[in-house]
Amino acid sequence: MKEYLILADVKTTVSMKVQADNQQEAEMIAQRKLNDLSVANIKLHIEHLNGEVLKPNVADFYFEAITVEEE
């Protein structure tokens, strides 16, 4: 049997809560926490409906736009 390397792009939205005095500060904090240079590695855990768990290696990652909402 041969071994194959599979590469796939996965896009998802993540959320986190931060304490800030205003929306601008909250966005700055989020940008700092989600900066590509401040994150050492990303781990991905995918669970299928049948219970099978995949733990693929994350080869590359980046963060896009940040939306800030007041709770």
N, C-alpha and C. Protein backbone atom coordinates (compact mmCIF):
# COMPACT_ATOMS: atom_id res chain seq x y z
N MET A 1 0.85 -1.18 0.00
CA MET A 1 0.00 0.00 0.00
C MET A 1 0.90 1.24 0.00
N LYS A 2 0.53 2.26 -0.77
CA LYS A 2 1.30 3.49 -0.86
C LYS A 2 0.76 4.53 0.11
N GLU A 3 1.62 5.47 0.49
CA GLU A 3 1.22 6.57 1.36
C GLU A 3 1.11 7.84 0.54
N TYR A 4 0.09 8.63 0.76
CA TYR A 4 -0.16 9.86 0.02
C TYR A 4 -0.29 11.02 0.99
N LEU A 5 0.23 12.18 0.60
CA LEU A 5 0.07 13.40 1.39
C LEU A 5 -1.11 14.17 0.82
N ILE A 6 -2.08 14.47 1.65
CA ILE A 6 -3.28 15.20 1.23
C ILE A 6 -3.20 16.62 1.79
N LEU A 7 -3.35 17.61 0.93
CA LEU A 7 -3.38 19.02 1.35
C LEU A 7 -4.77 19.58 1.09
N ALA A 8 -5.35 20.24 2.07
CA ALA A 8 -6.68 20.83 1.92
C ALA A 8 -6.73 22.16 2.66
N ASP A 9 -7.41 23.14 2.10
CA ASP A 9 -7.63 24.41 2.77
C ASP A 9 -8.90 24.31 3.59
N VAL A 10 -8.83 24.72 4.86
CA VAL A 10 -10.00 24.71 5.74
C VAL A 10 -10.17 26.12 6.27
N LYS A 11 -11.35 26.70 6.08
CA LYS A 11 -11.61 28.05 6.57
C LYS A 11 -12.69 27.97 7.64
N THR A 12 -12.46 28.62 8.76
CA THR A 12 -13.42 28.60 9.85
C THR A 12 -13.43 29.95 10.56
N THR A 13 -14.46 30.22 11.29
CA THR A 13 -14.55 31.43 12.10
C THR A 13 -14.34 31.04 13.55
N VAL A 14 -13.48 31.76 14.23
CA VAL A 14 -13.24 31.51 15.65
C VAL A 14 -13.74 32.70 16.45
N SER A 15 -14.01 32.48 17.73
CA SER A 15 -14.45 33.59 18.58
C SER A 15 -13.67 33.55 19.89
N MET A 16 -13.52 34.70 20.50
CA MET A 16 -12.90 34.81 21.81
C MET A 16 -13.45 36.07 22.46
N LYS A 17 -13.35 36.13 23.77
CA LYS A 17 -13.81 37.30 24.50
C LYS A 17 -12.61 38.03 25.07
N VAL A 18 -12.63 39.37 25.01
CA VAL A 18 -11.57 40.18 25.59
C VAL A 18 -12.21 41.28 26.42
N GLN A 19 -11.49 41.75 27.43
CA GLN A 19 -11.93 42.87 28.24
C GLN A 19 -11.27 44.13 27.68
N ALA A 20 -12.06 45.16 27.37
CA ALA A 20 -11.53 46.41 26.83
C ALA A 20 -12.45 47.56 27.22
N ASP A 21 -11.90 48.77 27.16
CA ASP A 21 -12.69 49.96 27.50
C ASP A 21 -13.60 50.39 26.35
N ASN A 22 -13.23 50.04 25.12
CA ASN A 22 -14.05 50.42 23.96
C ASN A 22 -13.80 49.44 22.81
N GLN A 23 -14.58 49.60 21.75
CA GLN A 23 -14.50 48.68 20.62
C GLN A 23 -13.14 48.74 19.92
N GLN A 24 -12.58 49.93 19.79
CA GLN A 24 -11.27 50.07 19.14
C GLN A 24 -10.19 49.32 19.92
N GLU A 25 -10.20 49.46 21.24
CA GLU A 25 -9.23 48.74 22.06
C GLU A 25 -9.44 47.23 21.94
N ALA A 26 -10.70 46.79 21.92
CA ALA A 26 -10.99 45.36 21.78
C ALA A 26 -10.43 44.82 20.47
N GLU A 27 -10.58 45.59 19.40
CA GLU A 27 -10.06 45.16 18.11
C GLU A 27 -8.53 45.09 18.13
N MET A 28 -7.89 46.06 18.76
CA MET A 28 -6.42 46.05 18.86
C MET A 28 -5.94 44.83 19.65
N ILE A 29 -6.62 44.52 20.74
CA ILE A 29 -6.26 43.35 21.55
C ILE A 29 -6.42 42.07 20.73
N ALA A 30 -7.53 41.97 20.03
CA ALA A 30 -7.78 40.78 19.20
C ALA A 30 -6.73 40.64 18.10
N GLN A 31 -6.40 41.73 17.45
CA GLN A 31 -5.38 41.68 16.40
C GLN A 31 -4.04 41.22 16.97
N ARG A 32 -3.69 41.70 18.15
CA ARG A 32 -2.43 41.31 18.77
C ARG A 32 -2.45 39.81 19.14
N LYS A 33 -3.57 39.35 19.69
CA LYS A 33 -3.66 37.95 20.09
C LYS A 33 -3.69 37.01 18.88
N LEU A 34 -4.27 37.46 17.76
CA LEU A 34 -4.41 36.61 16.59
C LEU A 34 -3.37 36.91 15.51
N ASN A 35 -2.35 37.68 15.86
CA ASN A 35 -1.30 37.98 14.90
C ASN A 35 -0.54 36.71 14.56
N ASP A 36 -0.30 36.49 13.27
CA ASP A 36 0.42 35.29 12.82
C ASP A 36 1.75 35.11 13.56
N LEU A 37 2.39 36.20 13.94
CA LEU A 37 3.70 36.12 14.58
C LEU A 37 3.60 35.78 16.07
N SER A 38 2.42 35.95 16.67
CA SER A 38 2.29 35.68 18.11
C SER A 38 1.71 34.29 18.39
N VAL A 39 1.32 33.57 17.35
CA VAL A 39 0.76 32.23 17.52
C VAL A 39 1.82 31.21 17.11
N ALA A 40 2.22 30.35 18.04
CA ALA A 40 3.29 29.40 17.77
C ALA A 40 2.84 28.27 16.85
N ASN A 41 1.68 27.72 17.10
CA ASN A 41 1.17 26.67 16.23
C ASN A 41 -0.34 26.55 16.40
N ILE A 42 -0.95 25.97 15.40
CA ILE A 42 -2.39 25.75 15.40
C ILE A 42 -2.63 24.24 15.40
N LYS A 43 -3.50 23.78 16.27
CA LYS A 43 -3.85 22.36 16.28
C LYS A 43 -5.30 22.23 15.82
N LEU A 44 -5.55 21.25 14.98
CA LEU A 44 -6.88 21.04 14.43
C LEU A 44 -7.39 19.67 14.85
N HIS A 45 -8.63 19.64 15.32
CA HIS A 45 -9.27 18.41 15.79
C HIS A 45 -10.64 18.35 15.10
N ILE A 46 -10.83 17.39 14.24
CA ILE A 46 -12.08 17.26 13.49
C ILE A 46 -12.76 15.96 13.90
N GLU A 47 -14.01 16.08 14.32
CA GLU A 47 -14.75 14.89 14.72
C GLU A 47 -15.90 14.65 13.74
N HIS A 48 -15.89 13.50 13.11
CA HIS A 48 -16.96 13.12 12.18
C HIS A 48 -18.21 12.74 12.97
N LEU A 49 -19.36 12.75 12.31
CA LEU A 49 -20.61 12.38 12.95
C LEU A 49 -20.59 10.95 13.48
N ASN A 50 -19.79 10.08 12.86
CA ASN A 50 -19.71 8.68 13.30
C ASN A 50 -18.73 8.50 14.47
N GLY A 51 -18.15 9.60 14.96
CA GLY A 51 -17.24 9.53 16.10
C GLY A 51 -15.77 9.44 15.73
N GLU A 52 -15.47 9.19 14.45
CA GLU A 52 -14.07 9.12 14.02
C GLU A 52 -13.42 10.50 14.19
N VAL A 53 -12.22 10.52 14.75
CA VAL A 53 -11.52 11.78 15.01
C VAL A 53 -10.30 11.88 14.11
N LEU A 54 -10.16 13.04 13.45
CA LEU A 54 -8.97 13.34 12.65
C LEU A 54 -8.18 14.43 13.36
N LYS A 55 -6.89 14.27 13.42
CA LYS A 55 -6.01 15.29 13.99
C LYS A 55 -4.92 15.60 12.97
N PRO A 56 -5.28 16.34 11.90
CA PRO A 56 -4.30 16.63 10.87
C PRO A 56 -3.29 17.67 11.32
N ASN A 57 -2.12 17.66 10.69
CA ASN A 57 -1.12 18.70 10.91
C ASN A 57 -1.55 19.96 10.18
N VAL A 58 -1.36 21.11 10.79
CA VAL A 58 -1.66 22.38 10.15
C VAL A 58 -0.36 22.91 9.55
N ALA A 59 -0.29 22.93 8.23
CA ALA A 59 0.95 23.32 7.55
C ALA A 59 1.14 24.83 7.51
N ASP A 60 0.06 25.57 7.41
CA ASP A 60 0.15 27.02 7.29
C ASP A 60 -1.15 27.61 7.84
N PHE A 61 -1.10 28.84 8.32
CA PHE A 61 -2.31 29.48 8.80
C PHE A 61 -2.16 30.99 8.70
N TYR A 62 -3.29 31.68 8.64
CA TYR A 62 -3.31 33.13 8.66
C TYR A 62 -4.67 33.56 9.18
N PHE A 63 -4.76 34.79 9.63
CA PHE A 63 -6.01 35.32 10.14
C PHE A 63 -6.47 36.46 9.25
N GLU A 64 -7.75 36.50 8.96
CA GLU A 64 -8.31 37.55 8.12
C GLU A 64 -8.93 38.64 8.99
N ALA A 65 -9.92 39.30 8.46
CA ALA A 65 -10.57 40.43 9.12
C ALA A 65 -11.13 40.03 10.47
N ILE A 66 -11.13 41.00 11.38
CA ILE A 66 -11.65 40.80 12.72
C ILE A 66 -12.90 41.67 12.88
N THR A 67 -13.99 41.08 13.34
CA THR A 67 -15.22 41.80 13.63
C THR A 67 -15.39 41.87 15.14
N VAL A 68 -15.69 43.04 15.66
CA VAL A 68 -15.85 43.22 17.10
C VAL A 68 -17.31 43.55 17.39
N GLU A 69 -17.91 42.79 18.32
CA GLU A 69 -19.29 43.04 18.73
C GLU A 69 -19.34 43.23 20.23
N GLU A 70 -20.13 44.18 20.68
CA GLU A 70 -20.29 44.41 22.12
C GLU A 70 -21.34 43.44 22.65
N GLU A 71 -21.07 42.86 23.81
CA GLU A 71 -22.02 41.92 24.41
C GLU A 71 -22.96 42.61 25.36
